[in-house]
N, C-alpha and C. Protein backbone atom coordinates (compact mmCIF):
# COMPACT_ATOMS: atom_id res chain seq x y z
N UNK A 1 21.56 7.89 11.01
CA UNK A 1 20.13 8.07 11.25
C UNK A 1 19.87 9.48 11.77
N UNK A 2 18.86 10.12 11.10
CA UNK A 2 18.52 11.52 11.45
C UNK A 2 17.58 11.43 12.85
N UNK A 3 18.51 11.20 14.00
CA UNK A 3 17.64 10.98 15.14
C UNK A 3 16.74 12.10 15.51
N UNK A 4 17.27 13.29 15.47
CA UNK A 4 16.59 14.45 15.90
C UNK A 4 15.35 14.63 15.11
N UNK A 5 15.31 14.51 13.71
CA UNK A 5 14.08 14.63 12.98
C UNK A 5 13.21 13.57 13.25
N UNK A 6 13.62 12.28 13.33
CA UNK A 6 12.77 11.10 13.50
C UNK A 6 12.19 11.25 14.93
N UNK A 7 12.82 11.69 15.95
CA UNK A 7 12.30 11.94 17.23
C UNK A 7 11.07 12.91 17.28
N UNK A 8 11.31 13.94 16.38
CA UNK A 8 10.21 14.91 16.38
C UNK A 8 8.97 14.27 15.73
N UNK A 9 9.22 13.53 14.69
CA UNK A 9 8.09 12.93 13.94
C UNK A 9 7.38 11.95 14.88
N UNK A 10 8.06 11.10 15.61
CA UNK A 10 7.42 10.15 16.49
C UNK A 10 6.64 10.77 17.59
N UNK A 11 7.35 11.83 18.13
CA UNK A 11 6.81 12.64 19.27
C UNK A 11 5.34 13.19 18.85
N UNK A 12 5.42 13.87 17.76
CA UNK A 12 4.23 14.42 17.12
C UNK A 12 3.20 13.32 16.95
N UNK A 13 3.55 12.16 16.42
CA UNK A 13 2.57 10.97 16.31
C UNK A 13 1.95 10.65 17.69
N UNK A 14 2.76 10.53 18.75
CA UNK A 14 2.31 10.08 20.02
C UNK A 14 1.51 11.14 20.73
N UNK A 15 1.78 12.40 20.34
CA UNK A 15 0.95 13.54 20.90
C UNK A 15 -0.35 13.69 20.34
N UNK A 16 -0.64 13.15 19.17
CA UNK A 16 -1.85 13.37 18.43
C UNK A 16 -3.07 12.81 19.31
N UNK A 17 -4.08 13.76 19.19
CA UNK A 17 -5.35 13.33 19.86
C UNK A 17 -5.48 13.71 21.25
N UNK A 18 -4.41 14.34 21.92
CA UNK A 18 -4.41 14.77 23.27
C UNK A 18 -5.36 15.95 23.33
N UNK A 19 -6.24 16.01 24.32
CA UNK A 19 -7.20 17.14 24.53
C UNK A 19 -6.56 18.36 25.09
N UNK A 20 -5.89 19.03 24.34
CA UNK A 20 -5.17 20.20 24.76
C UNK A 20 -5.52 21.33 23.77
N UNK A 21 -4.99 22.62 24.14
CA UNK A 21 -5.34 23.77 23.26
C UNK A 21 -4.35 23.65 22.14
N UNK A 22 -3.27 22.90 22.22
CA UNK A 22 -2.30 22.71 21.13
C UNK A 22 -2.16 21.21 20.85
N UNK A 23 -2.35 20.82 19.69
CA UNK A 23 -2.21 19.38 19.37
C UNK A 23 -1.76 19.15 17.85
N UNK A 24 -1.48 17.89 17.67
CA UNK A 24 -1.00 17.56 16.27
C UNK A 24 -1.97 16.61 15.68
N UNK A 25 -2.25 16.90 14.47
CA UNK A 25 -3.30 16.22 13.52
C UNK A 25 -2.43 15.46 12.51
N UNK A 26 -2.95 14.31 12.15
CA UNK A 26 -2.31 13.66 10.98
C UNK A 26 -3.30 13.25 9.91
N UNK A 27 -2.86 13.45 8.70
CA UNK A 27 -3.68 13.19 7.51
C UNK A 27 -2.86 12.48 6.45
N UNK A 28 -3.41 11.72 5.66
CA UNK A 28 -2.82 11.27 4.49
C UNK A 28 -3.16 12.15 3.25
N UNK A 29 -2.26 12.19 2.26
CA UNK A 29 -2.59 12.95 1.02
C UNK A 29 -3.89 12.43 0.48
N UNK A 30 -4.81 13.29 0.23
CA UNK A 30 -6.21 12.93 -0.28
C UNK A 30 -7.14 12.47 0.79
N UNK A 31 -6.57 12.49 2.13
CA UNK A 31 -7.54 12.19 3.27
C UNK A 31 -8.33 13.39 3.77
N UNK A 32 -9.40 13.00 4.48
CA UNK A 32 -10.11 14.07 5.09
C UNK A 32 -10.38 13.83 6.56
N UNK A 33 -10.57 14.96 7.21
CA UNK A 33 -10.69 14.98 8.71
C UNK A 33 -11.63 16.21 9.17
N UNK A 34 -12.30 16.01 10.06
CA UNK A 34 -13.20 17.01 10.51
C UNK A 34 -12.81 17.34 12.03
N UNK A 35 -12.62 18.58 12.37
CA UNK A 35 -12.19 19.05 13.70
C UNK A 35 -13.38 19.91 14.21
N UNK A 36 -13.97 19.48 15.45
CA UNK A 36 -15.20 20.26 16.03
C UNK A 36 -14.51 21.14 17.02
N UNK A 37 -14.89 22.36 17.00
CA UNK A 37 -14.54 23.44 18.01
C UNK A 37 -15.80 24.08 18.55
N UNK A 38 -16.06 23.80 19.84
CA UNK A 38 -17.29 24.41 20.46
C UNK A 38 -17.10 25.89 20.40
N UNK A 39 -18.14 26.67 19.99
CA UNK A 39 -17.97 28.15 19.83
C UNK A 39 -17.07 28.69 18.85
N UNK A 40 -16.89 27.91 17.94
CA UNK A 40 -15.87 28.40 16.85
C UNK A 40 -16.35 29.78 16.16
N UNK A 41 -15.28 30.62 16.12
CA UNK A 41 -15.66 31.93 15.58
C UNK A 41 -14.88 32.16 14.26
N UNK A 42 -13.62 31.91 14.22
CA UNK A 42 -12.81 32.13 12.97
C UNK A 42 -11.65 31.19 12.96
N UNK A 43 -11.03 30.99 11.82
CA UNK A 43 -9.70 30.16 11.83
C UNK A 43 -8.81 30.96 10.93
N UNK A 44 -7.52 30.56 11.01
CA UNK A 44 -6.49 31.02 10.17
C UNK A 44 -5.57 29.64 9.82
N UNK A 45 -5.32 29.54 8.56
CA UNK A 45 -4.60 28.36 8.23
C UNK A 45 -3.26 28.69 7.56
N UNK A 46 -2.29 27.98 7.70
CA UNK A 46 -0.92 28.18 7.19
C UNK A 46 -0.83 28.03 5.73
N UNK A 47 -0.48 26.86 5.33
CA UNK A 47 -0.11 26.57 3.91
C UNK A 47 -1.29 25.75 3.24
N UNK A 48 -2.04 26.18 2.42
CA UNK A 48 -3.18 25.55 1.71
C UNK A 48 -2.63 24.48 0.73
N UNK A 49 -1.34 24.59 0.24
CA UNK A 49 -0.88 23.71 -0.60
C UNK A 49 -0.52 22.34 0.14
N UNK A 50 -0.49 22.40 1.39
CA UNK A 50 -0.25 21.08 2.29
C UNK A 50 -1.61 20.52 2.68
N UNK A 51 -2.41 21.49 3.26
CA UNK A 51 -3.67 21.14 3.85
C UNK A 51 -4.75 22.24 3.51
N UNK A 52 -5.82 21.76 2.88
CA UNK A 52 -6.88 22.74 2.59
C UNK A 52 -7.82 22.70 3.81
N UNK A 53 -8.40 23.87 4.16
CA UNK A 53 -9.26 24.01 5.32
C UNK A 53 -10.43 24.84 5.01
N UNK A 54 -11.49 24.53 5.59
CA UNK A 54 -12.80 25.12 5.40
C UNK A 54 -13.60 25.16 6.69
N UNK A 55 -14.19 26.30 7.00
CA UNK A 55 -14.98 26.44 8.26
C UNK A 55 -16.39 26.28 7.87
N UNK A 56 -17.02 25.38 8.60
CA UNK A 56 -18.50 25.12 8.36
C UNK A 56 -19.37 26.04 9.27
N UNK A 57 -20.60 25.97 9.20
CA UNK A 57 -21.52 26.65 10.08
C UNK A 57 -21.91 25.91 11.41
N UNK A 58 -21.25 24.77 11.56
CA UNK A 58 -21.72 23.90 12.53
C UNK A 58 -20.59 23.58 13.64
N UNK A 59 -19.77 24.72 13.67
CA UNK A 59 -18.59 24.63 14.60
C UNK A 59 -17.72 23.57 14.26
N UNK A 60 -17.42 23.32 13.01
CA UNK A 60 -16.59 22.28 12.59
C UNK A 60 -15.63 22.89 11.51
N UNK A 61 -14.45 22.29 11.38
CA UNK A 61 -13.40 22.58 10.48
C UNK A 61 -13.17 21.37 9.63
N UNK A 62 -13.28 21.62 8.32
CA UNK A 62 -13.07 20.47 7.45
C UNK A 62 -11.65 20.53 6.81
N UNK A 63 -10.87 19.42 7.01
CA UNK A 63 -9.45 19.43 6.58
C UNK A 63 -9.33 18.31 5.32
N UNK A 64 -8.48 18.70 4.38
CA UNK A 64 -8.21 17.82 3.40
C UNK A 64 -6.62 17.72 3.14
N UNK A 65 -6.02 16.61 3.18
CA UNK A 65 -4.52 16.59 2.79
C UNK A 65 -4.30 16.84 1.33
N UNK A 66 -3.51 17.80 1.03
CA UNK A 66 -3.15 18.02 -0.39
C UNK A 66 -1.80 17.54 -0.82
N UNK A 67 -0.76 17.73 0.12
CA UNK A 67 0.51 17.22 -0.25
C UNK A 67 1.37 17.04 0.99
N UNK A 68 2.24 16.23 0.94
CA UNK A 68 3.15 15.89 2.16
C UNK A 68 3.68 17.20 2.67
N UNK A 69 3.84 17.27 4.04
CA UNK A 69 4.45 18.40 4.55
C UNK A 69 3.68 18.78 5.95
N UNK A 70 4.01 19.88 6.48
CA UNK A 70 3.50 20.37 7.72
C UNK A 70 2.96 21.73 7.76
N UNK A 71 1.94 22.07 8.40
CA UNK A 71 1.41 23.43 8.31
C UNK A 71 0.74 23.64 9.75
N UNK A 72 0.25 24.78 9.93
CA UNK A 72 -0.40 25.28 11.33
C UNK A 72 -1.75 25.81 10.99
N UNK A 73 -2.72 25.26 11.75
CA UNK A 73 -4.04 25.86 11.79
C UNK A 73 -4.35 26.45 13.14
N UNK A 74 -4.91 27.67 13.18
CA UNK A 74 -5.21 28.28 14.54
C UNK A 74 -6.72 28.59 14.51
N UNK A 75 -7.37 28.20 15.56
CA UNK A 75 -8.95 28.40 15.65
C UNK A 75 -9.15 29.37 16.89
N UNK A 76 -10.00 30.19 16.83
CA UNK A 76 -10.46 31.04 17.92
C UNK A 76 -11.99 30.80 18.14
N UNK A 77 -12.29 30.77 19.46
CA UNK A 77 -13.81 30.59 19.74
C UNK A 77 -14.35 32.01 20.08
N UNK A 78 -15.61 32.06 20.17
CA UNK A 78 -16.31 33.37 20.46
C UNK A 78 -15.80 33.93 21.82
N UNK A 79 -15.41 33.13 22.68
CA UNK A 79 -14.99 33.47 24.01
C UNK A 79 -13.52 33.90 23.95
N UNK A 80 -12.77 33.79 22.82
CA UNK A 80 -11.44 34.31 22.69
C UNK A 80 -10.35 33.23 22.96
N UNK A 81 -10.79 32.04 23.11
CA UNK A 81 -9.90 30.91 23.31
C UNK A 81 -9.20 30.53 22.06
N UNK A 82 -7.84 30.36 22.08
CA UNK A 82 -7.13 30.11 20.81
C UNK A 82 -6.71 28.49 20.93
N UNK A 83 -6.86 27.89 19.83
CA UNK A 83 -6.41 26.53 19.77
C UNK A 83 -5.46 26.35 18.48
N UNK A 84 -4.40 25.70 18.67
CA UNK A 84 -3.41 25.43 17.55
C UNK A 84 -3.36 24.07 17.26
N UNK A 85 -3.49 23.83 15.95
CA UNK A 85 -3.36 22.40 15.35
C UNK A 85 -2.12 22.36 14.49
N UNK A 86 -1.20 21.52 14.82
CA UNK A 86 -0.09 21.20 13.97
C UNK A 86 -0.40 20.17 13.12
N UNK A 87 -0.60 20.36 11.78
CA UNK A 87 -1.11 19.37 10.87
C UNK A 87 0.17 18.76 10.17
N UNK A 88 0.21 17.38 10.16
CA UNK A 88 1.20 16.77 9.33
C UNK A 88 0.49 15.88 8.32
N UNK A 89 0.90 16.04 7.15
CA UNK A 89 0.25 15.35 6.02
C UNK A 89 1.39 14.40 5.50
N UNK A 90 0.98 13.07 5.38
CA UNK A 90 1.93 12.07 4.91
C UNK A 90 1.41 11.26 3.82
N UNK A 91 2.16 10.44 3.25
CA UNK A 91 1.77 9.63 2.12
C UNK A 91 0.94 8.47 2.58
N UNK A 92 -0.06 8.10 1.77
CA UNK A 92 -0.92 7.00 2.07
C UNK A 92 -0.01 5.81 1.98
N UNK A 93 -0.47 4.60 2.58
CA UNK A 93 0.33 3.39 2.52
C UNK A 93 0.63 2.97 1.08
N UNK A 94 1.91 2.60 0.84
CA UNK A 94 2.36 2.28 -0.55
C UNK A 94 1.84 1.04 -1.12
N UNK A 95 1.37 0.21 -0.16
CA UNK A 95 0.83 -1.06 -0.60
C UNK A 95 -0.45 -1.41 0.10
N UNK A 96 -1.22 -2.44 -0.35
CA UNK A 96 -2.36 -2.78 0.47
C UNK A 96 -2.19 -3.03 1.96
N UNK A 97 -3.25 -2.86 2.66
CA UNK A 97 -2.98 -2.88 4.22
C UNK A 97 -2.49 -4.29 4.62
N UNK A 98 -2.67 -5.24 3.77
CA UNK A 98 -2.19 -6.68 4.15
C UNK A 98 -0.74 -6.86 3.98
N UNK A 99 -0.03 -5.87 3.48
CA UNK A 99 1.39 -5.94 3.29
C UNK A 99 2.24 -5.91 4.52
N UNK A 100 3.53 -6.29 4.44
CA UNK A 100 4.35 -6.32 5.69
C UNK A 100 4.49 -4.95 6.28
N UNK A 101 4.45 -4.86 7.53
CA UNK A 101 4.77 -3.69 8.18
C UNK A 101 3.62 -2.63 8.28
N UNK A 102 2.38 -3.21 7.85
CA UNK A 102 1.15 -2.37 7.89
C UNK A 102 0.20 -2.85 8.89
N UNK A 103 -0.03 -2.20 10.04
CA UNK A 103 -1.05 -2.55 11.05
C UNK A 103 -0.75 -3.75 12.04
N UNK A 104 0.26 -4.58 11.66
CA UNK A 104 0.50 -5.71 12.58
C UNK A 104 2.04 -5.90 12.61
N UNK A 105 2.50 -6.58 13.64
CA UNK A 105 3.97 -6.96 13.70
C UNK A 105 4.48 -7.61 12.44
N UNK A 106 5.61 -7.30 12.05
CA UNK A 106 6.24 -7.79 10.82
C UNK A 106 6.77 -9.24 11.19
N UNK A 107 6.49 -10.29 10.37
CA UNK A 107 6.98 -11.57 10.59
C UNK A 107 8.54 -11.72 10.57
N UNK A 108 9.15 -12.38 11.34
CA UNK A 108 10.63 -12.71 11.22
C UNK A 108 10.78 -14.11 10.93
N UNK A 109 11.44 -14.46 9.82
CA UNK A 109 11.64 -15.87 9.51
C UNK A 109 12.70 -16.59 10.55
N UNK A 110 12.59 -17.95 10.61
CA UNK A 110 13.56 -18.65 11.50
C UNK A 110 14.99 -18.34 11.06
N UNK A 111 15.34 -18.30 9.79
CA UNK A 111 16.66 -18.04 9.45
C UNK A 111 16.72 -16.71 8.85
N UNK A 112 17.53 -15.80 9.44
CA UNK A 112 17.59 -14.41 9.06
C UNK A 112 18.98 -14.08 8.51
N UNK A 113 19.11 -13.00 7.77
CA UNK A 113 20.28 -12.52 7.16
C UNK A 113 20.54 -11.02 7.47
N UNK A 114 21.49 -10.78 8.32
CA UNK A 114 21.74 -9.43 8.77
C UNK A 114 22.78 -8.64 7.91
N UNK A 115 23.15 -9.36 6.83
CA UNK A 115 24.15 -8.77 5.95
C UNK A 115 23.82 -7.43 5.38
N UNK A 116 24.86 -6.48 5.37
CA UNK A 116 24.63 -5.08 4.85
C UNK A 116 24.79 -4.95 3.36
N UNK A 117 25.58 -6.00 2.78
CA UNK A 117 26.00 -5.82 1.35
C UNK A 117 24.99 -6.66 0.34
N UNK A 118 23.88 -6.85 0.68
CA UNK A 118 22.82 -7.36 -0.19
C UNK A 118 22.45 -6.32 -1.22
N UNK A 119 22.21 -6.79 -2.38
CA UNK A 119 21.81 -5.88 -3.57
C UNK A 119 20.65 -5.01 -3.27
N UNK A 120 19.58 -5.61 -2.65
CA UNK A 120 18.46 -4.79 -2.39
C UNK A 120 18.74 -3.84 -1.22
N UNK A 121 19.56 -4.20 -0.28
CA UNK A 121 19.96 -3.26 0.84
C UNK A 121 20.68 -2.17 0.25
N UNK A 122 21.58 -2.37 -0.63
CA UNK A 122 22.42 -1.20 -1.18
C UNK A 122 21.55 -0.32 -2.00
N UNK A 123 20.48 -0.88 -2.71
CA UNK A 123 19.71 -0.09 -3.62
C UNK A 123 18.81 0.81 -2.73
N UNK A 124 18.32 0.16 -1.68
CA UNK A 124 17.37 0.98 -0.79
C UNK A 124 18.21 2.10 -0.10
N UNK A 125 19.38 1.81 0.39
CA UNK A 125 20.21 2.81 0.99
C UNK A 125 20.58 3.88 0.03
N UNK A 126 20.83 3.62 -1.24
CA UNK A 126 21.11 4.58 -2.16
C UNK A 126 19.95 5.52 -2.40
N UNK A 127 18.70 4.98 -2.53
CA UNK A 127 17.52 5.83 -2.69
C UNK A 127 17.35 6.73 -1.51
N UNK A 128 17.57 6.20 -0.38
CA UNK A 128 17.35 7.08 0.85
C UNK A 128 18.44 8.36 0.88
N UNK A 129 19.70 8.03 0.52
CA UNK A 129 20.68 9.01 0.39
C UNK A 129 20.24 10.03 -0.64
N UNK A 130 19.49 9.69 -1.70
CA UNK A 130 18.99 10.61 -2.71
C UNK A 130 17.78 11.31 -2.13
N UNK A 131 17.20 10.97 -1.01
CA UNK A 131 16.07 11.51 -0.44
C UNK A 131 14.76 11.10 -1.34
N UNK A 132 14.81 10.02 -2.09
CA UNK A 132 13.75 9.53 -2.72
C UNK A 132 13.13 8.32 -1.97
N UNK A 133 12.29 8.85 -0.86
CA UNK A 133 12.01 8.06 0.18
C UNK A 133 10.82 7.05 -0.26
N UNK A 134 10.04 7.53 -1.15
CA UNK A 134 9.02 6.66 -1.67
C UNK A 134 9.51 5.50 -2.37
N UNK A 135 10.56 5.79 -3.21
CA UNK A 135 11.09 4.89 -4.05
C UNK A 135 11.86 3.88 -3.15
N UNK A 136 12.49 4.45 -2.12
CA UNK A 136 13.32 3.65 -1.12
C UNK A 136 12.41 2.69 -0.41
N UNK A 137 11.23 3.15 -0.06
CA UNK A 137 10.23 2.25 0.64
C UNK A 137 9.63 1.12 -0.26
N UNK A 138 9.34 1.51 -1.56
CA UNK A 138 8.98 0.48 -2.52
C UNK A 138 10.03 -0.55 -2.72
N UNK A 139 11.29 -0.08 -2.87
CA UNK A 139 12.36 -1.04 -3.05
C UNK A 139 12.51 -1.94 -1.87
N UNK A 140 12.45 -1.42 -0.70
CA UNK A 140 12.62 -2.36 0.56
C UNK A 140 11.55 -3.31 0.61
N UNK A 141 10.23 -2.91 0.37
CA UNK A 141 9.07 -3.85 0.40
C UNK A 141 9.24 -4.84 -0.58
N UNK A 142 9.60 -4.49 -1.99
CA UNK A 142 9.94 -5.49 -2.88
C UNK A 142 11.01 -6.44 -2.49
N UNK A 143 12.03 -6.02 -1.98
CA UNK A 143 13.17 -6.77 -1.54
C UNK A 143 12.75 -7.83 -0.40
N UNK A 144 11.91 -7.36 0.45
CA UNK A 144 11.37 -8.18 1.53
C UNK A 144 10.46 -9.39 0.93
N UNK A 145 9.70 -8.84 0.03
CA UNK A 145 8.75 -9.90 -0.66
C UNK A 145 9.62 -11.06 -1.31
N UNK A 146 10.75 -10.64 -1.92
CA UNK A 146 11.70 -11.65 -2.59
C UNK A 146 12.58 -12.38 -1.54
N UNK A 147 12.96 -11.75 -0.52
CA UNK A 147 13.80 -12.33 0.50
C UNK A 147 13.41 -11.75 1.88
N UNK A 148 12.48 -12.56 2.53
CA UNK A 148 12.09 -12.14 3.85
C UNK A 148 13.24 -12.15 4.87
N UNK A 149 14.28 -12.92 4.68
CA UNK A 149 15.29 -12.94 5.70
C UNK A 149 16.14 -11.70 5.74
N UNK A 150 16.10 -10.80 4.61
CA UNK A 150 16.96 -9.69 4.68
C UNK A 150 16.56 -8.62 5.76
N UNK A 151 17.01 -8.75 6.91
CA UNK A 151 16.60 -7.90 8.01
C UNK A 151 16.99 -6.43 7.89
N UNK A 152 17.92 -6.12 7.23
CA UNK A 152 18.48 -4.83 7.07
C UNK A 152 17.51 -3.93 6.29
N UNK A 153 16.70 -4.62 5.39
CA UNK A 153 15.57 -3.98 4.67
C UNK A 153 14.59 -3.44 5.64
N UNK A 154 14.17 -4.20 6.75
CA UNK A 154 13.29 -3.66 7.67
C UNK A 154 13.84 -2.38 8.36
N UNK A 155 15.10 -2.37 8.67
CA UNK A 155 15.55 -1.06 9.25
C UNK A 155 15.51 0.11 8.27
N UNK A 156 15.95 -0.19 7.15
CA UNK A 156 15.89 0.92 6.04
C UNK A 156 14.41 1.44 5.77
N UNK A 157 13.49 0.34 5.69
CA UNK A 157 12.12 0.66 5.45
C UNK A 157 11.62 1.57 6.53
N UNK A 158 11.99 1.19 7.76
CA UNK A 158 11.51 2.04 8.91
C UNK A 158 12.06 3.46 8.78
N UNK A 159 13.31 3.63 8.38
CA UNK A 159 13.76 5.06 8.07
C UNK A 159 13.06 5.70 7.05
N UNK A 160 12.76 5.00 5.89
CA UNK A 160 12.01 5.65 4.93
C UNK A 160 10.55 6.07 5.29
N UNK A 161 9.93 5.17 6.18
CA UNK A 161 8.66 5.50 6.60
C UNK A 161 8.61 6.70 7.48
N UNK A 162 9.65 6.99 8.34
CA UNK A 162 9.74 8.19 9.18
C UNK A 162 9.76 9.42 8.25
N UNK A 163 10.55 9.33 7.18
CA UNK A 163 10.73 10.52 6.33
C UNK A 163 9.38 10.62 5.54
N UNK A 164 8.55 9.61 5.36
CA UNK A 164 7.21 9.71 4.73
C UNK A 164 6.17 10.13 5.69
N UNK A 165 6.53 10.42 6.87
CA UNK A 165 5.56 10.81 8.00
C UNK A 165 4.63 9.58 8.23
N UNK A 166 5.13 8.40 8.30
CA UNK A 166 4.28 7.23 8.55
C UNK A 166 4.94 6.44 9.77
N UNK A 167 4.96 7.05 10.97
CA UNK A 167 5.57 6.62 12.10
C UNK A 167 5.12 5.37 12.70
N UNK A 168 3.86 5.00 12.66
CA UNK A 168 3.31 3.79 13.15
C UNK A 168 3.97 2.63 12.44
N UNK A 169 3.99 2.72 11.12
CA UNK A 169 4.61 1.70 10.26
C UNK A 169 6.11 1.57 10.50
N UNK A 170 6.84 2.66 10.72
CA UNK A 170 8.24 2.74 11.03
C UNK A 170 8.50 1.88 12.24
N UNK A 171 7.78 2.16 13.23
CA UNK A 171 8.00 1.43 14.52
C UNK A 171 8.03 -0.15 14.34
N UNK A 172 6.86 -0.45 13.53
CA UNK A 172 6.91 -2.10 13.25
C UNK A 172 8.04 -2.50 12.61
N UNK A 173 8.58 -1.78 11.56
CA UNK A 173 9.88 -2.23 10.78
C UNK A 173 10.99 -2.21 11.67
N UNK A 174 11.27 -1.17 12.51
CA UNK A 174 12.40 -1.22 13.46
C UNK A 174 12.31 -2.39 14.45
N UNK A 175 11.10 -2.62 14.92
CA UNK A 175 10.97 -3.77 15.86
C UNK A 175 11.24 -5.09 15.23
N UNK A 176 10.87 -5.26 13.97
CA UNK A 176 11.24 -6.50 13.23
C UNK A 176 12.72 -6.67 13.08
N UNK A 177 13.33 -5.52 12.72
CA UNK A 177 14.70 -5.59 12.55
C UNK A 177 15.50 -5.93 13.85
N UNK A 178 15.13 -5.42 14.97
CA UNK A 178 15.65 -5.71 16.25
C UNK A 178 15.43 -7.15 16.63
N UNK A 179 14.27 -7.76 16.34
CA UNK A 179 14.06 -9.10 16.76
C UNK A 179 14.90 -9.99 15.81
N UNK A 180 15.14 -9.60 14.58
CA UNK A 180 15.87 -10.41 13.74
C UNK A 180 17.31 -10.40 13.90
N UNK A 181 17.87 -9.13 14.13
CA UNK A 181 19.28 -8.94 14.37
C UNK A 181 19.54 -8.29 15.60
N UNK A 182 19.34 -8.98 16.81
CA UNK A 182 19.44 -8.38 18.16
C UNK A 182 20.91 -7.86 18.43
N UNK A 183 21.84 -8.53 17.76
CA UNK A 183 23.37 -8.17 18.03
C UNK A 183 23.94 -7.26 17.04
N UNK A 184 23.04 -6.56 16.26
CA UNK A 184 23.58 -5.61 15.22
C UNK A 184 23.98 -4.31 16.09
N UNK A 185 25.15 -3.59 15.68
CA UNK A 185 25.53 -2.55 16.45
C UNK A 185 24.53 -1.39 16.66
N UNK A 186 23.68 -1.28 15.64
CA UNK A 186 22.77 -0.14 15.63
C UNK A 186 21.56 -0.39 16.66
N UNK A 187 21.35 -1.67 17.06
CA UNK A 187 20.18 -2.02 17.88
C UNK A 187 20.08 -1.23 19.15
N UNK A 188 21.28 -1.12 19.91
CA UNK A 188 21.06 -0.11 21.14
C UNK A 188 20.55 1.11 20.92
N UNK A 189 21.02 1.79 19.96
CA UNK A 189 20.44 3.19 19.61
C UNK A 189 19.10 3.25 19.20
N UNK A 190 18.69 2.17 18.48
CA UNK A 190 17.18 2.06 18.04
C UNK A 190 16.36 1.66 19.16
N UNK A 191 16.81 1.03 20.22
CA UNK A 191 16.11 0.63 21.35
C UNK A 191 15.89 1.96 22.16
N UNK A 192 17.00 2.82 22.36
CA UNK A 192 16.85 3.84 23.18
C UNK A 192 15.99 4.81 22.41
N UNK A 193 15.94 4.89 21.16
CA UNK A 193 15.21 5.85 20.28
C UNK A 193 13.74 5.51 20.44
N UNK A 194 13.37 4.32 20.36
CA UNK A 194 11.96 3.88 20.54
C UNK A 194 11.44 3.87 21.94
N UNK A 195 12.33 3.61 22.96
CA UNK A 195 11.98 3.68 24.34
C UNK A 195 11.35 5.00 24.81
N UNK A 196 12.03 6.06 24.24
CA UNK A 196 11.55 7.42 24.49
C UNK A 196 10.04 7.63 24.21
N UNK A 197 9.56 6.84 23.32
CA UNK A 197 8.13 7.01 22.84
C UNK A 197 7.25 5.79 23.38
N UNK A 198 7.81 5.06 24.33
CA UNK A 198 6.95 4.12 24.97
C UNK A 198 6.93 2.80 24.29
N UNK A 199 7.89 2.45 23.36
CA UNK A 199 7.82 1.24 22.57
C UNK A 199 9.06 0.45 23.08
């Protein structure tokens, strides 16, 4: 598990929305967001291929997610105050909001299977190793739809969601895995990982 990378993503997710001169903003590809800065004078944006920015005449900055990635937006007020916005653009949900792992705790069946060598588990793991995280997430979700008892797919789906910058959904998948397979050797590390961020 890429603990350092995933820790950074979850930390940025939990830091979003804090009223500070430096904060993290999250967008989905194709999504829009407006940032209001009282006394806005000028802005400087990093990578327009990740997030398009436009300064309006009403002390607002319009953002649009263009592609997955991270960039920096700096805004200055007429009084000389500098505000930094770390912008993270992620993939929109791969399935309708009613799907498993989206917005509510994932159900865990009465009978679970914590086996690592299931076909769907191996396929998903292979796609993650290839860094094809969207395909890995899709494979894991399909596998869970066909066999809800395959708990390892929740763990792998959580990993894929982290790399797709979808941390809230990743947390739900990790928690489902830990409820279904509490004795799995990786659970202590996952608990410690999530505990750092208040989960």
